[in-house]
Amino acid sequence: MGCYEIKLHETNFESKTTIMISRDELMHHRLQAWLRENQSEDLAYLGYYEDTLGQLKYWYKIAEHEVSVDCIEDLELVEDESDSL
């Protein structure tokens, strides 16, 4: 990840801050990149809204299921058998 040097003139010291992205944010960005580059009827972005516990999450529709991004473990291309005929 990136490392940035911050100079604070008021206190006259330097600090290094590492910005970390969460696993859910990373998966959301991966899915968004995939959706920009590919077309699929099985995957769609639904939005950013609360789950049943009130936590804000990114939501996707996979086939007929609505799932939050934290339920998605990986993104893998699988060829349909009808594509190879």
Protein backbone atom coordinates (compact mmCIF):
# COMPACT_ATOMS: atom_id res chain seq x y z
CA MET A 1 0.00 0.00 0.00
CA GLY A 2 1.03 3.62 -0.24
CA CYS A 3 3.03 5.50 2.34
CA TYR A 4 2.74 9.27 2.59
CA GLU A 5 4.93 11.74 4.44
CA ILE A 6 3.00 14.42 6.28
CA LYS A 7 4.60 17.63 7.54
CA LEU A 8 2.71 19.46 10.24
CA HIS A 9 4.15 22.95 10.56
CA GLU A 10 2.37 23.79 13.81
CA THR A 11 4.08 21.05 15.82
CA ASN A 12 7.22 20.80 13.67
CA PHE A 13 7.34 17.01 13.30
CA GLU A 14 7.05 14.50 10.46
CA SER A 15 4.79 11.46 10.42
CA LYS A 16 4.35 8.59 8.01
CA THR A 17 0.84 7.24 7.48
CA THR A 18 -0.07 4.03 5.71
CA ILE A 19 -3.51 3.93 4.16
CA MET A 20 -5.03 0.46 4.19
CA ILE A 21 -8.10 -0.55 2.23
CA SER A 22 -10.47 -3.08 3.79
CA ARG A 23 -11.10 -6.48 2.26
CA ASP A 24 -14.70 -5.46 1.46
CA GLU A 25 -13.59 -2.22 -0.24
CA LEU A 26 -11.00 -4.15 -2.28
CA MET A 27 -13.59 -6.72 -3.39
CA HIS A 28 -16.02 -3.91 -4.28
CA HIS A 29 -13.36 -2.24 -6.46
CA ARG A 30 -12.50 -5.57 -8.12
CA LEU A 31 -16.17 -6.20 -8.90
CA GLN A 32 -16.64 -2.67 -10.24
CA ALA A 33 -13.62 -3.07 -12.53
CA TRP A 34 -14.93 -6.41 -13.76
CA LEU A 35 -18.38 -4.94 -14.45
CA ARG A 36 -16.82 -2.07 -16.45
CA GLU A 37 -14.88 -4.50 -18.65
CA ASN A 38 -17.45 -7.31 -19.03
CA GLN A 39 -21.15 -7.80 -19.59
CA SER A 40 -23.08 -10.28 -17.51
CA GLU A 41 -26.70 -11.02 -16.78
CA ASP A 42 -25.64 -12.87 -13.61
CA LEU A 43 -23.88 -9.99 -11.82
CA ALA A 44 -25.19 -6.49 -11.11
CA TYR A 45 -24.35 -3.73 -8.63
CA LEU A 46 -27.38 -2.79 -6.51
CA GLY A 47 -25.99 0.03 -4.40
CA TYR A 48 -24.64 1.01 -0.99
CA TYR A 49 -27.18 0.63 1.79
CA GLU A 50 -27.75 -0.84 5.24
CA ASP A 51 -28.03 -4.53 6.01
CA THR A 52 -30.42 -5.95 8.62
CA LEU A 53 -28.02 -4.89 11.42
CA GLY A 54 -27.82 -1.29 10.19
CA GLN A 55 -24.29 -1.59 8.75
CA LEU A 56 -23.69 0.17 5.41
CA LYS A 57 -22.51 -2.31 2.77
CA TYR A 58 -22.12 -2.61 -0.99
CA TRP A 59 -24.78 -4.90 -2.47
CA TYR A 60 -24.69 -7.04 -5.60
CA LYS A 61 -27.16 -9.27 -7.37
CA ILE A 62 -25.65 -12.64 -8.29
CA ALA A 63 -28.10 -14.65 -10.40
CA GLU A 64 -31.32 -14.28 -8.37
CA HIS A 65 -29.60 -13.62 -5.01
CA GLU A 66 -28.95 -10.23 -3.39
CA VAL A 67 -25.72 -10.39 -1.37
CA SER A 68 -23.53 -7.89 0.43
CA VAL A 69 -19.91 -7.62 -0.69
CA ASP A 70 -18.64 -9.23 2.54
CA CYS A 71 -20.35 -12.49 1.47
CA ILE A 72 -18.38 -12.65 -1.80
CA GLU A 73 -15.14 -14.57 -1.39
CA ASP A 74 -13.62 -14.42 -4.87
CA LEU A 75 -14.21 -13.47 -8.48
CA GLU A 76 -13.52 -16.21 -11.00
CA LEU A 77 -14.48 -16.50 -14.66
CA VAL A 78 -16.25 -19.79 -15.43
CA GLU A 79 -17.10 -20.67 -19.00
CA ASP A 80 -20.64 -21.78 -19.70
CA GLU A 81 -20.87 -25.21 -21.36
CA SER A 82 -23.08 -23.77 -24.09
CA ASP A 83 -20.26 -21.33 -25.02
CA SER A 84 -17.95 -24.16 -26.02
CA LEU A 85 -20.39 -25.86 -28.42
